[in-house]
Amino acid sequence: MAKTGDTSGALTLLKSIPSATAQHPDTWYLKGIIELYGGDSARAKKFFMEGMRLDPDNNKCRLALNKSKSCERLK
């Protein structure tokens, strides 16, 4: 959904997932990806950092965080 530009729909779908997933780094990764596709790299960065706080070795969050930083530099 986010890739097609429907970031609002993607966020709504993600919010419908049980709150127990809030402690899972992949949930924060997905939230960050949605924000990144929506053009909000600053907010995406916060989500990726939260994912890394939960799992400091999470490579997906680390790579996405670097990507979001690159996006911010391009602005």
Protein backbone atom coordinates (compact mmCIF):
# COMPACT_ATOMS: atom_id res chain seq x y z
CA MET A 1 0.00 0.00 0.00
CA ALA A 2 2.72 2.47 0.95
CA LYS A 3 4.59 1.81 -2.30
CA THR A 4 1.50 2.79 -4.27
CA GLY A 5 1.19 6.06 -2.34
CA ASP A 6 -1.55 4.98 0.05
CA THR A 7 0.45 5.71 3.21
CA SER A 8 -2.70 6.58 5.12
CA GLY A 9 -4.24 3.20 4.31
CA ALA A 10 -0.99 1.43 5.16
CA LEU A 11 -0.84 3.13 8.56
CA THR A 12 -4.48 2.26 9.25
CA LEU A 13 -3.79 -1.37 8.42
CA LEU A 14 -0.69 -1.41 10.61
CA LYS A 15 -2.62 0.11 13.52
CA SER A 16 -5.17 -2.70 13.29
CA ILE A 17 -2.46 -5.20 14.25
CA PRO A 18 -2.67 -6.11 17.96
CA SER A 19 -0.75 -3.84 20.32
CA ALA A 20 1.36 -6.81 21.46
CA THR A 21 3.44 -6.25 18.33
CA ALA A 22 4.52 -2.83 19.61
CA GLN A 23 7.49 -4.51 21.26
CA HIS A 24 8.58 -6.14 18.02
CA PRO A 25 11.24 -4.22 16.02
CA ASP A 26 9.66 -5.19 12.69
CA THR A 27 6.54 -3.23 13.63
CA TRP A 28 8.66 -0.10 14.00
CA TYR A 29 10.51 -0.93 10.80
CA LEU A 30 7.21 -1.10 8.89
CA LYS A 31 6.01 2.17 10.42
CA GLY A 32 9.27 3.80 9.37
CA ILE A 33 9.03 2.46 5.82
CA ILE A 34 5.49 3.81 5.53
CA GLU A 35 6.64 7.25 6.68
CA LEU A 36 9.64 7.13 4.34
CA TYR A 37 7.36 6.38 1.36
CA GLY A 38 5.11 9.19 2.57
CA GLY A 39 8.03 11.61 2.43
CA ASP A 40 8.51 12.14 6.18
CA SER A 41 12.10 10.98 6.63
CA ALA A 42 12.42 12.66 10.04
CA ARG A 43 9.51 10.68 11.45
CA ALA A 44 10.73 7.51 9.71
CA LYS A 45 14.08 7.96 11.41
CA LYS A 46 12.39 8.01 14.83
CA PHE A 47 10.58 4.76 14.09
CA PHE A 48 13.77 3.05 12.91
CA MET A 49 15.60 4.22 16.02
CA GLU A 50 12.82 2.77 18.20
CA GLY A 51 13.17 -0.55 16.39
CA MET A 52 16.90 -0.48 17.06
CA ARG A 53 16.29 0.39 20.70
CA LEU A 54 14.24 -2.79 21.00
CA ASP A 55 16.83 -4.82 19.08
CA PRO A 56 20.21 -3.10 18.66
CA ASP A 57 21.29 -5.77 16.15
CA ASN A 58 18.28 -5.30 13.85
CA ASN A 59 19.90 -4.92 10.46
CA LYS A 60 16.69 -3.90 8.64
CA CYS A 61 16.18 -0.93 10.96
CA ARG A 62 19.85 0.02 10.75
CA LEU A 63 19.89 0.02 6.93
CA ALA A 64 16.58 1.89 6.74
CA LEU A 65 17.83 4.45 9.26
CA ASN A 66 20.83 5.13 7.05
CA LYS A 67 18.52 5.47 4.06
CA SER A 68 16.29 7.95 5.90
CA LYS A 69 19.34 10.01 6.88
CA SER A 70 20.38 10.09 3.22
CA CYS A 71 16.90 11.30 2.27
CA GLU A 72 17.13 14.12 4.80
CA ARG A 73 20.47 15.24 3.37
CA LEU A 74 18.92 15.45 -0.10
CA LYS A 75 16.21 17.88 1.03
